[in-house]
Amino acid sequence: MDSDEVGTMLRDLLDRTEYSLSHLRELSPAELNAHPGGHPNSPAWLLWHTGREIDMQLARLSGGAEVWPRHRDGLGLGEVGDTLGYGHSDEQARSVRVDDHSALVAYIRDALAAVRAHVDAAPDWGEIVDTYDGEPISRQVRVTSLLIDALEHLAQAHYIAGMPVSGLGEP
């Protein structure tokens, strides 16, 4: 795949991610902080983590700055908000409580805009940027992976948003 084809494919994936985000219904504070089935990850955690995984990985990949500092105070998560979320203990995951749906969406949108700027800069998509299980990971694979991960977490939030309120359990 040449650079233009990679850019086209990644822009399509970005469009799909942005579409998914824009079609997530607004969740109330109780819905955002609910823990269906007693799971430690709430919809607020899923949305916050979606932004963090995009933001942190892209900043590392591009050498640019994270967009998180512009959203940190507004989301009010303190130190736990500075983390990625992978490996959170149940207590840490449950401490991610956000009442403002629009603030979470704004963070994800900002992170996706940074990805779009990176894609538009047309970097060397074949450049090896990391390894996983001893195998080389290209820039194309890393950006594709972070967008697929975002879509998966947004799909989980959509699933929870479709549950009857009685199925959400206690926040």
N, C-alpha and C. Protein backbone atom coordinates (compact mmCIF):
# COMPACT_ATOMS: atom_id res chain seq x y z
N MET A 1 0.85 -1.17 0.00
CA MET A 1 0.00 0.00 0.00
C MET A 1 0.90 1.24 0.00
N ASP A 2 0.65 2.16 -0.91
CA ASP A 2 1.47 3.37 -0.92
C ASP A 2 0.95 4.37 0.11
N SER A 3 1.70 5.41 0.33
CA SER A 3 1.40 6.39 1.37
C SER A 3 0.02 7.01 1.21
N ASP A 4 -0.38 7.31 -0.02
CA ASP A 4 -1.70 7.90 -0.25
C ASP A 4 -2.81 6.93 0.12
N GLU A 5 -2.62 5.66 -0.23
CA GLU A 5 -3.61 4.64 0.11
C GLU A 5 -3.72 4.46 1.62
N VAL A 6 -2.58 4.48 2.31
CA VAL A 6 -2.60 4.36 3.78
C VAL A 6 -3.34 5.55 4.37
N GLY A 7 -3.03 6.74 3.89
CA GLY A 7 -3.71 7.94 4.39
C GLY A 7 -5.21 7.87 4.18
N THR A 8 -5.63 7.40 3.00
CA THR A 8 -7.06 7.27 2.70
C THR A 8 -7.70 6.27 3.65
N MET A 9 -7.05 5.14 3.86
CA MET A 9 -7.60 4.11 4.75
C MET A 9 -7.70 4.64 6.19
N LEU A 10 -6.67 5.33 6.65
CA LEU A 10 -6.69 5.84 8.02
C LEU A 10 -7.72 6.97 8.19
N ARG A 11 -7.88 7.80 7.17
CA ARG A 11 -8.92 8.84 7.24
C ARG A 11 -10.30 8.21 7.32
N ASP A 12 -10.51 7.12 6.58
CA ASP A 12 -11.78 6.41 6.66
C ASP A 12 -12.00 5.87 8.07
N LEU A 13 -10.99 5.29 8.65
CA LEU A 13 -11.09 4.77 10.02
C LEU A 13 -11.34 5.91 11.01
N LEU A 14 -10.68 7.03 10.82
CA LEU A 14 -10.94 8.21 11.65
C LEU A 14 -12.39 8.67 11.51
N ASP A 15 -12.88 8.74 10.28
CA ASP A 15 -14.27 9.15 10.05
C ASP A 15 -15.23 8.22 10.77
N ARG A 16 -14.96 6.93 10.73
CA ARG A 16 -15.82 5.96 11.41
C ARG A 16 -15.78 6.14 12.93
N THR A 17 -14.60 6.45 13.45
CA THR A 17 -14.46 6.67 14.89
C THR A 17 -15.21 7.94 15.30
N GLU A 18 -15.04 8.99 14.53
CA GLU A 18 -15.74 10.25 14.82
C GLU A 18 -17.26 10.07 14.69
N TYR A 19 -17.70 9.30 13.71
CA TYR A 19 -19.13 9.02 13.55
C TYR A 19 -19.66 8.29 14.78
N SER A 20 -18.95 7.29 15.23
CA SER A 20 -19.38 6.54 16.41
C SER A 20 -19.48 7.46 17.62
N LEU A 21 -18.48 8.29 17.80
CA LEU A 21 -18.49 9.23 18.93
C LEU A 21 -19.67 10.19 18.82
N SER A 22 -19.93 10.72 17.63
CA SER A 22 -20.99 11.71 17.46
C SER A 22 -22.39 11.11 17.63
N HIS A 23 -22.49 9.79 17.50
CA HIS A 23 -23.80 9.14 17.64
C HIS A 23 -24.00 8.47 19.00
N LEU A 24 -23.09 8.67 19.90
CA LEU A 24 -23.29 8.19 21.27
C LEU A 24 -24.24 9.16 21.96
N ARG A 25 -25.34 8.66 22.46
CA ARG A 25 -26.28 9.57 23.12
C ARG A 25 -25.65 10.12 24.39
N GLU A 26 -26.09 11.31 24.77
CA GLU A 26 -25.53 11.94 25.97
C GLU A 26 -25.96 11.15 27.20
N LEU A 27 -24.97 10.80 28.00
CA LEU A 27 -25.22 10.02 29.21
C LEU A 27 -25.30 10.96 30.41
N SER A 28 -26.23 10.68 31.28
CA SER A 28 -26.37 11.45 32.52
C SER A 28 -25.20 11.12 33.45
N PRO A 29 -24.98 11.93 34.47
CA PRO A 29 -23.91 11.59 35.44
C PRO A 29 -24.09 10.19 36.04
N ALA A 30 -25.32 9.82 36.36
CA ALA A 30 -25.55 8.48 36.93
C ALA A 30 -25.20 7.39 35.92
N GLU A 31 -25.55 7.60 34.66
CA GLU A 31 -25.24 6.61 33.63
C GLU A 31 -23.74 6.55 33.36
N LEU A 32 -23.10 7.72 33.32
CA LEU A 32 -21.65 7.75 33.09
C LEU A 32 -20.89 6.97 34.16
N ASN A 33 -21.35 7.05 35.38
CA ASN A 33 -20.61 6.48 36.50
C ASN A 33 -21.18 5.15 37.01
N ALA A 34 -22.07 4.57 36.22
CA ALA A 34 -22.64 3.26 36.57
C ALA A 34 -21.61 2.16 36.30
N HIS A 35 -21.80 1.05 36.96
CA HIS A 35 -20.92 -0.11 36.81
C HIS A 35 -21.76 -1.35 36.52
N PRO A 36 -22.24 -1.48 35.26
CA PRO A 36 -23.09 -2.62 34.92
C PRO A 36 -22.43 -3.95 35.29
N GLY A 37 -23.20 -4.78 35.93
CA GLY A 37 -22.70 -6.09 36.33
C GLY A 37 -21.63 -6.00 37.39
N GLY A 38 -21.48 -4.84 38.02
CA GLY A 38 -20.45 -4.66 39.04
C GLY A 38 -19.05 -4.49 38.48
N HIS A 39 -18.92 -4.35 37.16
CA HIS A 39 -17.60 -4.19 36.54
C HIS A 39 -16.97 -2.88 36.99
N PRO A 40 -15.66 -2.86 37.25
CA PRO A 40 -15.02 -1.62 37.72
C PRO A 40 -14.95 -0.52 36.67
N ASN A 41 -15.05 -0.86 35.38
CA ASN A 41 -14.97 0.16 34.33
C ASN A 41 -16.37 0.67 33.99
N SER A 42 -16.60 1.93 34.29
CA SER A 42 -17.86 2.59 33.97
C SER A 42 -17.81 3.16 32.56
N PRO A 43 -18.95 3.63 32.05
CA PRO A 43 -18.90 4.35 30.77
C PRO A 43 -17.96 5.56 30.83
N ALA A 44 -17.91 6.25 31.94
CA ALA A 44 -16.97 7.38 32.07
C ALA A 44 -15.55 6.87 31.91
N TRP A 45 -15.21 5.73 32.52
CA TRP A 45 -13.87 5.16 32.37
C TRP A 45 -13.62 4.82 30.91
N LEU A 46 -14.60 4.18 30.25
CA LEU A 46 -14.42 3.80 28.85
C LEU A 46 -14.14 5.02 27.97
N LEU A 47 -14.88 6.09 28.17
CA LEU A 47 -14.70 7.29 27.35
C LEU A 47 -13.39 7.99 27.69
N TRP A 48 -13.08 8.12 28.97
CA TRP A 48 -11.81 8.74 29.36
C TRP A 48 -10.65 7.92 28.78
N HIS A 49 -10.71 6.60 28.93
CA HIS A 49 -9.64 5.73 28.43
C HIS A 49 -9.52 5.81 26.91
N THR A 50 -10.63 5.95 26.22
CA THR A 50 -10.59 6.11 24.77
C THR A 50 -9.72 7.31 24.40
N GLY A 51 -9.97 8.43 25.06
CA GLY A 51 -9.16 9.62 24.81
C GLY A 51 -7.70 9.42 25.19
N ARG A 52 -7.47 8.82 26.35
CA ARG A 52 -6.09 8.65 26.84
C ARG A 52 -5.30 7.73 25.94
N GLU A 53 -5.90 6.62 25.50
CA GLU A 53 -5.11 5.68 24.70
C GLU A 53 -4.75 6.30 23.35
N ILE A 54 -5.64 7.08 22.79
CA ILE A 54 -5.32 7.78 21.54
C ILE A 54 -4.23 8.81 21.81
N ASP A 55 -4.47 9.64 22.79
CA ASP A 55 -3.61 10.78 23.10
C ASP A 55 -2.19 10.36 23.47
N MET A 56 -2.07 9.44 24.40
CA MET A 56 -0.74 9.03 24.86
C MET A 56 0.05 8.31 23.77
N GLN A 57 -0.61 7.41 23.06
CA GLN A 57 0.10 6.67 22.01
C GLN A 57 0.51 7.58 20.86
N LEU A 58 -0.37 8.50 20.47
CA LEU A 58 -0.03 9.39 19.37
C LEU A 58 1.10 10.33 19.76
N ALA A 59 1.06 10.87 20.97
CA ALA A 59 2.14 11.78 21.40
C ALA A 59 3.48 11.06 21.36
N ARG A 60 3.49 9.83 21.84
CA ARG A 60 4.73 9.05 21.82
C ARG A 60 5.18 8.77 20.39
N LEU A 61 4.23 8.43 19.56
CA LEU A 61 4.52 8.08 18.17
C LEU A 61 5.01 9.29 17.37
N SER A 62 4.36 10.43 17.56
CA SER A 62 4.65 11.60 16.75
C SER A 62 5.73 12.50 17.35
N GLY A 63 6.02 12.30 18.63
CA GLY A 63 6.95 13.20 19.30
C GLY A 63 6.30 14.52 19.68
N GLY A 64 5.00 14.62 19.50
CA GLY A 64 4.25 15.83 19.83
C GLY A 64 3.76 15.81 21.27
N ALA A 65 3.04 16.84 21.61
CA ALA A 65 2.49 16.98 22.97
C ALA A 65 1.12 16.31 23.04
N GLU A 66 0.77 15.85 24.22
CA GLU A 66 -0.57 15.34 24.47
C GLU A 66 -1.56 16.50 24.50
N VAL A 67 -2.81 16.22 24.19
CA VAL A 67 -3.87 17.22 24.33
C VAL A 67 -4.45 17.20 25.75
N TRP A 68 -4.11 16.20 26.53
CA TRP A 68 -4.63 16.02 27.89
C TRP A 68 -4.51 17.27 28.76
N PRO A 69 -3.40 17.99 28.75
CA PRO A 69 -3.32 19.17 29.64
C PRO A 69 -4.45 20.17 29.44
N ARG A 70 -5.01 20.26 28.25
CA ARG A 70 -6.14 21.17 28.01
C ARG A 70 -7.45 20.66 28.61
N HIS A 71 -7.50 19.38 28.98
CA HIS A 71 -8.73 18.77 29.47
C HIS A 71 -8.62 18.30 30.92
N ARG A 72 -7.42 18.25 31.45
CA ARG A 72 -7.17 17.67 32.76
C ARG A 72 -8.03 18.31 33.85
N ASP A 73 -7.99 19.63 33.95
CA ASP A 73 -8.75 20.30 35.02
C ASP A 73 -10.25 20.14 34.83
N GLY A 74 -10.71 20.22 33.58
CA GLY A 74 -12.14 20.11 33.31
C GLY A 74 -12.72 18.75 33.65
N LEU A 75 -11.90 17.71 33.55
CA LEU A 75 -12.38 16.37 33.88
C LEU A 75 -12.19 16.05 35.36
N GLY A 76 -11.30 16.77 36.02
CA GLY A 76 -11.16 16.66 37.48
C GLY A 76 -10.80 15.29 38.01
N LEU A 77 -9.95 14.58 37.31
CA LEU A 77 -9.61 13.22 37.74
C LEU A 77 -8.33 13.14 38.57
N GLY A 78 -7.62 14.23 38.68
CA GLY A 78 -6.37 14.19 39.45
C GLY A 78 -5.36 13.26 38.82
N GLU A 79 -4.53 12.66 39.66
CA GLU A 79 -3.42 11.83 39.17
C GLU A 79 -3.88 10.62 38.37
N VAL A 80 -5.01 10.02 38.74
CA VAL A 80 -5.46 8.84 38.00
C VAL A 80 -5.76 9.21 36.54
N GLY A 81 -6.17 10.44 36.30
CA GLY A 81 -6.45 10.89 34.95
C GLY A 81 -5.21 10.98 34.08
N ASP A 82 -4.05 11.10 34.71
CA ASP A 82 -2.79 11.18 33.96
C ASP A 82 -2.32 9.82 33.47
N THR A 83 -2.93 8.76 33.95
CA THR A 83 -2.53 7.41 33.58
C THR A 83 -3.22 6.99 32.28
N LEU A 84 -2.91 5.79 31.81
CA LEU A 84 -3.51 5.28 30.59
C LEU A 84 -4.75 4.45 30.87
N GLY A 85 -4.78 3.77 31.98
CA GLY A 85 -5.92 2.94 32.32
C GLY A 85 -5.64 1.46 32.25
N TYR A 86 -4.73 1.04 31.36
CA TYR A 86 -4.36 -0.37 31.33
C TYR A 86 -3.71 -0.74 32.65
N GLY A 87 -4.15 -1.82 33.23
CA GLY A 87 -3.56 -2.27 34.48
C GLY A 87 -4.13 -1.59 35.72
N HIS A 88 -5.18 -0.79 35.55
CA HIS A 88 -5.80 -0.18 36.72
C HIS A 88 -6.30 -1.25 37.67
N SER A 89 -6.12 -1.02 38.94
CA SER A 89 -6.77 -1.86 39.94
C SER A 89 -8.27 -1.53 39.90
N ASP A 90 -9.08 -2.38 40.51
CA ASP A 90 -10.51 -2.08 40.57
C ASP A 90 -10.74 -0.72 41.23
N GLU A 91 -9.99 -0.44 42.27
CA GLU A 91 -10.14 0.83 42.99
C GLU A 91 -9.79 2.02 42.10
N GLN A 92 -8.71 1.91 41.35
CA GLN A 92 -8.32 3.00 40.44
C GLN A 92 -9.38 3.20 39.36
N ALA A 93 -9.85 2.11 38.77
CA ALA A 93 -10.87 2.21 37.72
C ALA A 93 -12.14 2.86 38.27
N ARG A 94 -12.55 2.45 39.45
CA ARG A 94 -13.76 3.02 40.05
C ARG A 94 -13.58 4.49 40.43
N SER A 95 -12.34 4.93 40.61
CA SER A 95 -12.09 6.33 40.97
C SER A 95 -12.23 7.28 39.78
N VAL A 96 -12.34 6.73 38.59
CA VAL A 96 -12.56 7.56 37.40
C VAL A 96 -14.06 7.87 37.35
N ARG A 97 -14.41 9.00 37.92
CA ARG A 97 -15.79 9.47 37.99
C ARG A 97 -15.87 10.83 37.31
N VAL A 98 -16.67 10.89 36.27
CA VAL A 98 -16.85 12.14 35.52
C VAL A 98 -18.34 12.33 35.31
N ASP A 99 -18.84 13.51 35.64
CA ASP A 99 -20.27 13.79 35.48
C ASP A 99 -20.60 14.51 34.18
N ASP A 100 -19.59 14.97 33.45
CA ASP A 100 -19.80 15.81 32.28
C ASP A 100 -19.51 15.04 30.99
N HIS A 101 -20.58 14.53 30.38
CA HIS A 101 -20.46 13.78 29.13
C HIS A 101 -19.75 14.61 28.06
N SER A 102 -20.14 15.86 27.92
CA SER A 102 -19.58 16.69 26.85
C SER A 102 -18.09 16.94 27.03
N ALA A 103 -17.61 16.99 28.26
CA ALA A 103 -16.17 17.17 28.50
C ALA A 103 -15.40 15.93 28.06
N LEU A 104 -15.95 14.76 28.28
CA LEU A 104 -15.30 13.52 27.83
C LEU A 104 -15.28 13.47 26.30
N VAL A 105 -16.38 13.81 25.68
CA VAL A 105 -16.45 13.81 24.21
C VAL A 105 -15.47 14.83 23.63
N ALA A 106 -15.38 16.01 24.25
CA ALA A 106 -14.46 17.04 23.77
C ALA A 106 -13.02 16.54 23.82
N TYR A 107 -12.66 15.81 24.87
CA TYR A 107 -11.30 15.26 24.97
C TYR A 107 -11.04 14.26 23.84
N ILE A 108 -11.97 13.37 23.61
CA ILE A 108 -11.79 12.39 22.54
C ILE A 108 -11.69 13.09 21.18
N ARG A 109 -12.55 14.07 20.96
CA ARG A 109 -12.52 14.81 19.68
C ARG A 109 -11.16 15.49 19.48
N ASP A 110 -10.63 16.07 20.54
CA ASP A 110 -9.32 16.72 20.46
C ASP A 110 -8.22 15.70 20.12
N ALA A 111 -8.30 14.55 20.75
CA ALA A 111 -7.30 13.50 20.48
C ALA A 111 -7.43 13.01 19.04
N LEU A 112 -8.65 12.85 18.56
CA LEU A 112 -8.85 12.42 17.17
C LEU A 112 -8.38 13.48 16.18
N ALA A 113 -8.54 14.75 16.52
CA ALA A 113 -8.04 15.82 15.65
C ALA A 113 -6.52 15.75 15.55
N ALA A 114 -5.86 15.40 16.65
CA ALA A 114 -4.40 15.25 16.62
C ALA A 114 -4.00 14.08 15.72
N VAL A 115 -4.77 12.99 15.76
CA VAL A 115 -4.49 11.86 14.86
C VAL A 115 -4.67 12.30 13.41
N ARG A 116 -5.73 13.03 13.13
CA ARG A 116 -5.98 13.49 11.76
C ARG A 116 -4.82 14.36 11.27
N ALA A 117 -4.33 15.24 12.13
CA ALA A 117 -3.19 16.09 11.75
C ALA A 117 -1.96 15.24 11.45
N HIS A 118 -1.76 14.19 12.24
CA HIS A 118 -0.63 13.29 12.02
C HIS A 118 -0.78 12.56 10.68
N VAL A 119 -1.98 12.08 10.41
CA VAL A 119 -2.24 11.38 9.14
C VAL A 119 -2.04 12.34 7.98
N ASP A 120 -2.54 13.55 8.11
CA ASP A 120 -2.42 14.53 7.03
C ASP A 120 -0.96 14.93 6.77
N ALA A 121 -0.10 14.78 7.78
CA ALA A 121 1.32 15.09 7.60
C ALA A 121 2.03 14.02 6.77
N ALA A 122 1.34 12.93 6.49
CA ALA A 122 1.85 11.83 5.65
C ALA A 122 3.25 11.37 6.05
N PRO A 123 3.38 10.88 7.29
CA PRO A 123 4.69 10.36 7.70
C PRO A 123 5.02 9.06 6.96
N ASP A 124 6.17 8.52 7.25
CA ASP A 124 6.60 7.25 6.66
C ASP A 124 5.82 6.13 7.35
N TRP A 125 4.78 5.65 6.71
CA TRP A 125 3.90 4.65 7.32
C TRP A 125 4.59 3.31 7.55
N GLY A 126 5.63 3.02 6.80
CA GLY A 126 6.34 1.75 6.96
C GLY A 126 7.41 1.79 8.04
N GLU A 127 7.67 2.97 8.60
CA GLU A 127 8.71 3.09 9.63
C GLU A 127 8.37 2.19 10.82
N ILE A 128 9.36 1.45 11.28
CA ILE A 128 9.18 0.60 12.46
C ILE A 128 9.30 1.49 13.70
N VAL A 129 8.23 1.51 14.49
CA VAL A 129 8.18 2.41 15.64
C VAL A 129 8.20 1.68 16.98
N ASP A 130 8.05 0.36 16.94
CA ASP A 130 8.01 -0.40 18.19
C ASP A 130 8.10 -1.89 17.85
N THR A 131 8.10 -2.70 18.88
CA THR A 131 7.98 -4.15 18.71
C THR A 131 6.90 -4.65 19.65
N TYR A 132 6.30 -5.77 19.28
CA TYR A 132 5.31 -6.43 20.12
C TYR A 132 5.57 -7.92 20.00
N ASP A 133 5.80 -8.56 21.13
CA ASP A 133 6.14 -9.98 21.14
C ASP A 133 7.30 -10.27 20.19
N GLY A 134 8.25 -9.35 20.15
CA GLY A 134 9.43 -9.52 19.32
C GLY A 134 9.24 -9.20 17.85
N GLU A 135 8.03 -8.83 17.46
CA GLU A 135 7.73 -8.51 16.06
C GLU A 135 7.71 -7.00 15.86
N PRO A 136 8.22 -6.53 14.73
CA PRO A 136 8.23 -5.09 14.46
C PRO A 136 6.82 -4.55 14.22
N ILE A 137 6.60 -3.33 14.72
CA ILE A 137 5.33 -2.64 14.54
C ILE A 137 5.59 -1.37 13.74
N SER A 138 4.90 -1.23 12.62
CA SER A 138 5.07 -0.04 11.79
C SER A 138 4.16 1.09 12.29
N ARG A 139 4.46 2.28 11.83
CA ARG A 139 3.63 3.45 12.15
C ARG A 139 2.18 3.20 11.69
N GLN A 140 2.01 2.63 10.51
CA GLN A 140 0.67 2.34 10.00
C GLN A 140 -0.08 1.41 10.95
N VAL A 141 0.57 0.36 11.39
CA VAL A 141 -0.07 -0.60 12.29
C VAL A 141 -0.42 0.06 13.61
N ARG A 142 0.47 0.89 14.14
CA ARG A 142 0.21 1.54 15.43
C ARG A 142 -0.99 2.48 15.34
N VAL A 143 -1.07 3.29 14.31
CA VAL A 143 -2.20 4.22 14.18
C VAL A 143 -3.50 3.44 13.94
N THR A 144 -3.44 2.42 13.11
CA THR A 144 -4.61 1.59 12.87
C THR A 144 -5.07 0.97 14.19
N SER A 145 -4.15 0.44 14.95
CA SER A 145 -4.46 -0.21 16.22
C SER A 145 -5.10 0.75 17.22
N LEU A 146 -4.57 1.95 17.34
CA LEU A 146 -5.14 2.87 18.33
C LEU A 146 -6.55 3.30 17.94
N LEU A 147 -6.82 3.40 16.62
CA LEU A 147 -8.17 3.75 16.19
C LEU A 147 -9.14 2.58 16.37
N ILE A 148 -8.68 1.37 16.10
CA ILE A 148 -9.55 0.21 16.33
C ILE A 148 -9.86 0.07 17.82
N ASP A 149 -8.87 0.28 18.66
CA ASP A 149 -9.09 0.23 20.11
C ASP A 149 -10.13 1.28 20.51
N ALA A 150 -10.02 2.48 19.94
CA ALA A 150 -10.99 3.53 20.24
C ALA A 150 -12.40 3.10 19.83
N LEU A 151 -12.52 2.53 18.64
CA LEU A 151 -13.83 2.06 18.17
C LEU A 151 -14.40 0.98 19.09
N GLU A 152 -13.55 0.09 19.55
CA GLU A 152 -14.01 -0.97 20.45
C GLU A 152 -14.54 -0.40 21.76
N HIS A 153 -13.82 0.57 22.32
CA HIS A 153 -14.29 1.17 23.58
C HIS A 153 -15.55 2.00 23.37
N LEU A 154 -15.64 2.69 22.25
CA LEU A 154 -16.86 3.44 21.96
C LEU A 154 -18.04 2.48 21.77
N ALA A 155 -17.79 1.34 21.14
CA ALA A 155 -18.86 0.34 20.98
C ALA A 155 -19.34 -0.16 22.34
N GLN A 156 -18.43 -0.34 23.26
CA GLN A 156 -18.84 -0.75 24.61
C GLN A 156 -19.70 0.33 25.26
N ALA A 157 -19.31 1.60 25.09
CA ALA A 157 -20.10 2.70 25.65
C ALA A 157 -21.49 2.75 24.99
N HIS A 158 -21.56 2.52 23.67
CA HIS A 158 -22.86 2.47 22.99
C HIS A 158 -23.72 1.34 23.55
N TYR A 159 -23.12 0.21 23.78
CA TYR A 159 -23.87 -0.94 24.31
C TYR A 159 -24.47 -0.57 25.67
N ILE A 160 -23.66 0.00 26.53
CA ILE A 160 -24.14 0.38 27.86
C ILE A 160 -25.20 1.47 27.75
N ALA A 161 -25.00 2.42 26.85
CA ALA A 161 -25.97 3.51 26.67
C ALA A 161 -27.32 2.97 26.21
N GLY A 162 -27.34 1.81 25.59
CA GLY A 162 -28.59 1.22 25.13
C GLY A 162 -29.29 0.38 26.18
N MET A 163 -28.64 0.19 27.32
CA MET A 163 -29.27 -0.61 28.38
C MET A 163 -30.38 0.19 29.07
N PRO A 164 -31.41 -0.51 29.52
CA PRO A 164 -32.39 0.21 30.34
C PRO A 164 -31.68 0.69 31.62
N VAL A 165 -32.08 1.83 32.10
CA VAL A 165 -31.44 2.41 33.29
C VAL A 165 -31.43 1.41 34.43
N SER A 166 -32.45 0.59 34.54
CA SER A 166 -32.50 -0.40 35.62
C SER A 166 -31.39 -1.43 35.49
N GLY A 167 -30.84 -1.61 34.31
CA GLY A 167 -29.78 -2.58 34.10
C GLY A 167 -28.39 -2.05 34.37
N LEU A 168 -28.27 -0.78 34.69
CA LEU A 168 -26.96 -0.18 34.87
C LEU A 168 -26.37 -0.41 36.26
N GLY A 169 -27.17 -0.79 37.21
CA GLY A 169 -26.64 -1.00 38.55
C GLY A 169 -26.31 0.33 39.23
N GLU A 170 -25.77 0.23 40.39
CA GLU A 170 -25.44 1.42 41.18
C GLU A 170 -24.17 2.06 40.68
N PRO A 171 -24.12 3.42 40.62
CA PRO A 171 -22.88 4.10 40.21
C PRO A 171 -21.79 3.97 41.25
